[in-house]
N, C-alpha and C. Protein backbone atom coordinates (compact mmCIF):
# COMPACT_ATOMS: atom_id res chain seq x y z
N UNK A 1 -27.28 -6.50 -99.17
CA UNK A 1 -26.45 -6.15 -98.02
C UNK A 1 -25.75 -7.41 -97.49
N UNK A 2 -24.44 -7.29 -97.38
CA UNK A 2 -23.65 -8.41 -96.86
C UNK A 2 -23.95 -8.62 -95.38
N UNK A 3 -24.12 -9.88 -95.01
CA UNK A 3 -24.32 -10.19 -93.60
C UNK A 3 -23.68 -11.54 -93.30
N UNK A 4 -22.97 -11.61 -92.17
CA UNK A 4 -22.39 -12.85 -91.65
C UNK A 4 -22.82 -12.98 -90.20
N UNK A 5 -23.42 -14.11 -89.85
CA UNK A 5 -23.89 -14.32 -88.49
C UNK A 5 -23.28 -15.60 -87.95
N UNK A 6 -22.40 -15.43 -86.97
CA UNK A 6 -21.76 -16.57 -86.34
C UNK A 6 -22.60 -17.09 -85.18
N UNK A 7 -22.55 -18.38 -84.95
CA UNK A 7 -23.28 -18.98 -83.84
C UNK A 7 -22.60 -20.28 -83.45
N UNK A 8 -23.04 -20.85 -82.31
CA UNK A 8 -22.53 -22.14 -81.88
C UNK A 8 -21.52 -22.09 -80.76
N UNK A 9 -21.13 -20.89 -80.34
CA UNK A 9 -20.18 -20.78 -79.25
C UNK A 9 -20.82 -21.15 -77.92
N UNK A 10 -19.98 -21.18 -76.88
CA UNK A 10 -20.47 -21.50 -75.56
C UNK A 10 -19.34 -21.87 -74.63
N UNK A 11 -19.71 -22.44 -73.49
CA UNK A 11 -18.76 -22.89 -72.48
C UNK A 11 -18.56 -24.39 -72.64
N UNK A 12 -17.32 -24.82 -72.71
CA UNK A 12 -17.01 -26.24 -72.87
C UNK A 12 -15.79 -26.57 -72.03
N UNK A 13 -15.72 -27.80 -71.55
CA UNK A 13 -14.57 -28.23 -70.77
C UNK A 13 -13.38 -28.55 -71.66
N UNK A 14 -12.19 -28.45 -71.13
CA UNK A 14 -11.01 -28.84 -71.91
C UNK A 14 -11.16 -30.27 -72.44
N UNK A 15 -10.75 -30.45 -73.70
CA UNK A 15 -10.91 -31.74 -74.36
C UNK A 15 -12.23 -31.90 -75.08
N UNK A 16 -13.14 -30.98 -74.87
CA UNK A 16 -14.45 -31.05 -75.50
C UNK A 16 -14.46 -30.54 -76.92
N UNK A 17 -15.67 -30.49 -77.48
CA UNK A 17 -15.85 -30.08 -78.87
C UNK A 17 -16.99 -29.07 -79.00
N UNK A 18 -16.89 -28.26 -80.02
CA UNK A 18 -17.96 -27.34 -80.43
C UNK A 18 -17.95 -27.26 -81.94
N UNK A 19 -19.11 -26.99 -82.52
CA UNK A 19 -19.17 -26.68 -83.94
C UNK A 19 -19.76 -25.29 -84.12
N UNK A 20 -18.97 -24.42 -84.72
CA UNK A 20 -19.42 -23.07 -85.01
C UNK A 20 -20.00 -23.02 -86.42
N UNK A 21 -20.98 -22.14 -86.59
CA UNK A 21 -21.60 -21.91 -87.89
C UNK A 21 -21.51 -20.45 -88.24
N UNK A 22 -21.47 -20.18 -89.52
CA UNK A 22 -21.48 -18.80 -90.01
C UNK A 22 -22.45 -18.76 -91.19
N UNK A 23 -23.57 -18.13 -90.97
CA UNK A 23 -24.59 -18.00 -92.01
C UNK A 23 -24.37 -16.72 -92.79
N UNK A 24 -24.30 -16.86 -94.10
CA UNK A 24 -23.97 -15.72 -94.97
C UNK A 24 -25.16 -15.33 -95.84
N UNK A 25 -25.25 -14.06 -96.16
CA UNK A 25 -26.28 -13.58 -97.07
C UNK A 25 -25.82 -12.29 -97.71
N UNK A 26 -26.46 -11.94 -98.84
CA UNK A 26 -26.18 -10.67 -99.50
C UNK A 26 -25.12 -10.73 -100.57
N UNK A 27 -24.63 -11.92 -100.89
CA UNK A 27 -23.63 -12.07 -101.94
C UNK A 27 -23.66 -13.53 -102.40
N UNK A 28 -22.96 -13.81 -103.50
CA UNK A 28 -22.94 -15.17 -104.05
C UNK A 28 -21.90 -15.98 -103.29
N UNK A 29 -22.36 -16.70 -102.31
CA UNK A 29 -21.51 -17.33 -101.31
C UNK A 29 -20.45 -18.25 -101.93
N UNK A 30 -20.84 -19.05 -102.89
CA UNK A 30 -19.92 -20.06 -103.43
C UNK A 30 -18.74 -19.44 -104.18
N UNK A 31 -18.83 -18.16 -104.53
CA UNK A 31 -17.76 -17.49 -105.26
C UNK A 31 -16.62 -17.03 -104.37
N UNK A 32 -16.79 -17.12 -103.06
CA UNK A 32 -15.82 -16.54 -102.13
C UNK A 32 -15.22 -17.57 -101.21
N UNK A 33 -13.89 -17.61 -101.13
CA UNK A 33 -13.26 -18.39 -100.07
C UNK A 33 -13.68 -17.82 -98.71
N UNK A 34 -13.64 -18.67 -97.70
CA UNK A 34 -14.03 -18.26 -96.35
C UNK A 34 -12.90 -18.52 -95.37
N UNK A 35 -12.86 -17.72 -94.36
CA UNK A 35 -11.85 -17.85 -93.31
C UNK A 35 -12.51 -17.76 -91.93
N UNK A 36 -11.87 -18.40 -90.97
CA UNK A 36 -12.23 -18.21 -89.56
C UNK A 36 -11.05 -17.56 -88.84
N UNK A 37 -11.38 -16.64 -87.96
CA UNK A 37 -10.42 -15.94 -87.13
C UNK A 37 -10.90 -16.02 -85.68
N UNK A 38 -10.04 -15.66 -84.76
CA UNK A 38 -10.44 -15.50 -83.37
C UNK A 38 -9.65 -14.36 -82.74
N UNK A 39 -10.24 -13.83 -81.68
CA UNK A 39 -9.55 -12.78 -80.93
C UNK A 39 -9.79 -13.00 -79.45
N UNK A 40 -8.69 -13.21 -78.74
CA UNK A 40 -8.73 -13.37 -77.29
C UNK A 40 -8.52 -12.00 -76.65
N UNK A 41 -8.98 -11.82 -75.41
CA UNK A 41 -8.83 -10.53 -74.73
C UNK A 41 -7.36 -10.11 -74.68
N UNK A 42 -7.12 -8.88 -75.09
CA UNK A 42 -5.77 -8.34 -75.04
C UNK A 42 -4.83 -8.83 -76.13
N UNK A 43 -5.35 -9.61 -77.07
CA UNK A 43 -4.51 -10.15 -78.14
C UNK A 43 -5.02 -9.69 -79.50
N UNK A 44 -4.15 -9.79 -80.50
CA UNK A 44 -4.54 -9.46 -81.86
C UNK A 44 -5.41 -10.57 -82.45
N UNK A 45 -6.18 -10.19 -83.45
CA UNK A 45 -7.01 -11.18 -84.13
C UNK A 45 -6.10 -12.17 -84.84
N UNK A 46 -6.43 -13.45 -84.73
CA UNK A 46 -5.59 -14.54 -85.24
C UNK A 46 -6.35 -15.30 -86.33
N UNK A 47 -5.71 -15.48 -87.48
CA UNK A 47 -6.30 -16.30 -88.53
C UNK A 47 -6.18 -17.77 -88.15
N UNK A 48 -7.24 -18.55 -88.41
CA UNK A 48 -7.27 -19.95 -88.02
C UNK A 48 -7.34 -20.92 -89.20
N UNK A 49 -8.24 -20.62 -90.15
CA UNK A 49 -8.50 -21.61 -91.18
C UNK A 49 -9.09 -20.94 -92.41
N UNK A 50 -8.86 -21.58 -93.56
CA UNK A 50 -9.29 -21.07 -94.86
C UNK A 50 -9.89 -22.22 -95.66
N UNK A 51 -10.94 -21.90 -96.42
CA UNK A 51 -11.52 -22.90 -97.31
C UNK A 51 -11.84 -22.23 -98.63
N UNK A 52 -11.55 -22.89 -99.72
CA UNK A 52 -11.83 -22.34 -101.04
C UNK A 52 -13.34 -22.28 -101.29
N UNK A 53 -13.71 -21.57 -102.34
CA UNK A 53 -15.12 -21.43 -102.66
C UNK A 53 -15.81 -22.75 -102.92
N UNK A 54 -15.11 -23.66 -103.56
CA UNK A 54 -15.68 -24.98 -103.84
C UNK A 54 -15.69 -25.89 -102.62
N UNK A 55 -14.83 -25.57 -101.66
CA UNK A 55 -14.69 -26.42 -100.48
C UNK A 55 -13.63 -27.50 -100.62
N UNK A 56 -13.00 -27.56 -101.79
CA UNK A 56 -12.04 -28.66 -102.03
C UNK A 56 -10.69 -28.42 -101.37
N UNK A 57 -10.35 -27.16 -101.12
CA UNK A 57 -9.04 -26.85 -100.56
C UNK A 57 -9.17 -26.14 -99.23
N UNK A 58 -8.37 -26.59 -98.27
CA UNK A 58 -8.37 -25.98 -96.95
C UNK A 58 -6.94 -25.83 -96.46
N UNK A 59 -6.73 -24.89 -95.56
CA UNK A 59 -5.49 -24.84 -94.82
C UNK A 59 -5.72 -24.20 -93.46
N UNK A 60 -4.76 -24.46 -92.55
CA UNK A 60 -4.95 -24.16 -91.14
C UNK A 60 -3.71 -23.53 -90.53
N UNK A 61 -3.94 -22.72 -89.51
CA UNK A 61 -2.84 -22.25 -88.67
C UNK A 61 -2.29 -23.42 -87.88
N UNK A 62 -1.01 -23.35 -87.57
CA UNK A 62 -0.37 -24.43 -86.81
C UNK A 62 -1.04 -24.64 -85.45
N UNK A 63 -1.56 -23.56 -84.89
CA UNK A 63 -2.13 -23.63 -83.54
C UNK A 63 -3.38 -24.50 -83.49
N UNK A 64 -4.04 -24.72 -84.63
CA UNK A 64 -5.29 -25.49 -84.63
C UNK A 64 -5.24 -26.70 -85.55
N UNK A 65 -4.18 -26.87 -86.30
CA UNK A 65 -4.08 -27.96 -87.26
C UNK A 65 -4.22 -29.30 -86.53
N UNK A 66 -5.05 -30.17 -87.07
CA UNK A 66 -5.28 -31.48 -86.45
C UNK A 66 -6.37 -31.48 -85.41
N UNK A 67 -6.84 -30.29 -84.99
CA UNK A 67 -7.91 -30.21 -84.00
C UNK A 67 -9.17 -29.56 -84.57
N UNK A 68 -9.01 -28.60 -85.45
CA UNK A 68 -10.14 -27.87 -86.04
C UNK A 68 -10.30 -28.27 -87.50
N UNK A 69 -11.56 -28.27 -87.96
CA UNK A 69 -11.87 -28.59 -89.34
C UNK A 69 -12.84 -27.57 -89.90
N UNK A 70 -12.45 -26.93 -90.99
CA UNK A 70 -13.33 -25.97 -91.66
C UNK A 70 -14.07 -26.69 -92.78
N UNK A 71 -15.32 -26.32 -92.98
CA UNK A 71 -16.11 -26.90 -94.07
C UNK A 71 -17.16 -25.88 -94.49
N UNK A 72 -17.88 -26.18 -95.56
CA UNK A 72 -18.91 -25.26 -96.01
C UNK A 72 -20.00 -26.02 -96.74
N UNK A 73 -21.18 -25.44 -96.71
CA UNK A 73 -22.34 -25.96 -97.42
C UNK A 73 -22.81 -24.85 -98.35
N UNK A 74 -22.43 -24.93 -99.60
CA UNK A 74 -22.74 -23.84 -100.53
C UNK A 74 -24.24 -23.77 -100.86
N UNK A 75 -24.95 -24.85 -100.68
CA UNK A 75 -26.39 -24.82 -100.92
C UNK A 75 -27.11 -24.03 -99.82
N UNK A 76 -26.55 -24.07 -98.62
CA UNK A 76 -27.17 -23.40 -97.48
C UNK A 76 -26.50 -22.08 -97.12
N UNK A 77 -25.42 -21.74 -97.83
CA UNK A 77 -24.67 -20.50 -97.55
C UNK A 77 -24.13 -20.46 -96.12
N UNK A 78 -23.56 -21.56 -95.69
CA UNK A 78 -23.02 -21.64 -94.34
C UNK A 78 -21.60 -22.20 -94.39
N UNK A 79 -20.74 -21.62 -93.58
CA UNK A 79 -19.44 -22.23 -93.34
C UNK A 79 -19.37 -22.66 -91.87
N UNK A 80 -18.64 -23.73 -91.62
CA UNK A 80 -18.57 -24.32 -90.30
C UNK A 80 -17.12 -24.37 -89.81
N UNK A 81 -16.97 -24.41 -88.49
CA UNK A 81 -15.69 -24.70 -87.89
C UNK A 81 -15.93 -25.73 -86.79
N UNK A 82 -15.53 -26.97 -87.06
CA UNK A 82 -15.60 -28.03 -86.06
C UNK A 82 -14.34 -27.95 -85.21
N UNK A 83 -14.53 -27.81 -83.92
CA UNK A 83 -13.41 -27.65 -83.00
C UNK A 83 -13.39 -28.81 -82.02
N UNK A 84 -12.35 -29.60 -82.05
CA UNK A 84 -12.18 -30.75 -81.17
C UNK A 84 -10.95 -30.56 -80.30
N UNK A 85 -10.88 -31.36 -79.25
CA UNK A 85 -9.73 -31.31 -78.32
C UNK A 85 -9.45 -29.88 -77.88
N UNK A 86 -10.49 -29.20 -77.47
CA UNK A 86 -10.37 -27.79 -77.10
C UNK A 86 -9.50 -27.61 -75.87
N UNK A 87 -8.78 -26.49 -75.87
CA UNK A 87 -7.86 -26.14 -74.80
C UNK A 87 -8.27 -24.80 -74.20
N UNK A 88 -7.89 -24.50 -72.97
CA UNK A 88 -8.22 -23.19 -72.39
C UNK A 88 -7.71 -22.04 -73.26
N UNK A 89 -6.58 -22.22 -73.91
CA UNK A 89 -6.04 -21.14 -74.76
C UNK A 89 -6.84 -20.93 -76.04
N UNK A 90 -7.84 -21.76 -76.30
CA UNK A 90 -8.74 -21.53 -77.43
C UNK A 90 -9.86 -20.55 -77.07
N UNK A 91 -9.93 -20.14 -75.82
CA UNK A 91 -10.95 -19.18 -75.40
C UNK A 91 -10.77 -17.86 -76.16
N UNK A 92 -11.83 -17.43 -76.82
CA UNK A 92 -11.77 -16.22 -77.66
C UNK A 92 -13.15 -15.98 -78.26
N UNK A 93 -13.28 -14.85 -78.92
CA UNK A 93 -14.42 -14.60 -79.80
C UNK A 93 -14.02 -15.05 -81.20
N UNK A 94 -14.86 -15.83 -81.82
CA UNK A 94 -14.59 -16.42 -83.12
C UNK A 94 -15.41 -15.74 -84.20
N UNK A 95 -14.75 -15.45 -85.32
CA UNK A 95 -15.38 -14.73 -86.43
C UNK A 95 -15.15 -15.47 -87.74
N UNK A 96 -16.11 -15.37 -88.63
CA UNK A 96 -15.86 -15.79 -90.00
C UNK A 96 -15.73 -14.53 -90.87
N UNK A 97 -15.04 -14.69 -91.97
CA UNK A 97 -14.88 -13.58 -92.91
C UNK A 97 -14.69 -14.16 -94.31
N UNK A 98 -15.33 -13.53 -95.25
CA UNK A 98 -15.19 -13.95 -96.64
C UNK A 98 -14.02 -13.21 -97.26
N UNK A 99 -13.20 -13.94 -98.02
CA UNK A 99 -12.03 -13.35 -98.67
C UNK A 99 -12.44 -12.23 -99.61
N UNK A 100 -11.82 -11.08 -99.44
CA UNK A 100 -12.00 -9.84 -100.22
C UNK A 100 -13.28 -9.09 -99.86
N UNK A 101 -14.11 -9.57 -99.00
CA UNK A 101 -15.29 -8.80 -98.56
C UNK A 101 -14.97 -8.16 -97.22
N UNK A 102 -15.06 -6.85 -97.18
CA UNK A 102 -14.67 -6.11 -95.99
C UNK A 102 -15.85 -6.01 -95.04
N UNK A 103 -16.13 -7.08 -94.36
CA UNK A 103 -17.25 -7.14 -93.42
C UNK A 103 -16.92 -8.17 -92.35
N UNK A 104 -17.18 -7.78 -91.10
CA UNK A 104 -17.04 -8.70 -89.97
C UNK A 104 -18.37 -8.82 -89.26
N UNK A 105 -18.74 -10.02 -88.90
CA UNK A 105 -19.93 -10.22 -88.10
C UNK A 105 -19.67 -9.89 -86.64
N UNK A 106 -20.62 -10.26 -85.80
CA UNK A 106 -20.50 -9.94 -84.37
C UNK A 106 -19.66 -10.96 -83.61
N UNK A 107 -19.41 -12.11 -84.23
CA UNK A 107 -18.61 -13.14 -83.58
C UNK A 107 -19.42 -13.98 -82.62
N UNK A 108 -18.81 -15.07 -82.16
CA UNK A 108 -19.43 -15.94 -81.17
C UNK A 108 -18.38 -16.32 -80.13
N UNK A 109 -18.74 -16.21 -78.87
CA UNK A 109 -17.79 -16.42 -77.78
C UNK A 109 -17.62 -17.91 -77.50
N UNK A 110 -16.37 -18.32 -77.43
CA UNK A 110 -16.03 -19.68 -77.02
C UNK A 110 -15.19 -19.59 -75.76
N UNK A 111 -15.62 -20.30 -74.73
CA UNK A 111 -14.89 -20.32 -73.46
C UNK A 111 -14.59 -21.77 -73.11
N UNK A 112 -13.31 -22.07 -72.92
CA UNK A 112 -12.89 -23.43 -72.58
C UNK A 112 -12.36 -23.39 -71.15
N UNK A 113 -13.11 -24.02 -70.25
CA UNK A 113 -12.78 -23.94 -68.84
C UNK A 113 -13.45 -25.07 -68.09
N UNK A 114 -12.85 -25.43 -66.94
CA UNK A 114 -13.46 -26.46 -66.08
C UNK A 114 -14.68 -25.90 -65.40
């Protein structure tokens, strides 16, 4: 059974940092590229970052390029999203998703506020 569990969210001040984790199980993790998305209240889900199965290739949405870093640990079946220089507009629920696997986890809430 496919399972993705996001964690690491919380309340942070503008300019701060958080590292999100996504623990995967139920499939051969290293065979699948991974993505991070977010959804703010009243807005559509937004793609943020992509990493290849090997971890060698990444790309980012313009809104987070230079501030967020996606990575993965294939031995531990975890993908990460390091978020730096956070802004209030980064407030959202953050999700990971594996490419071609139709499954969404519960997400983790990130709130950027004074």
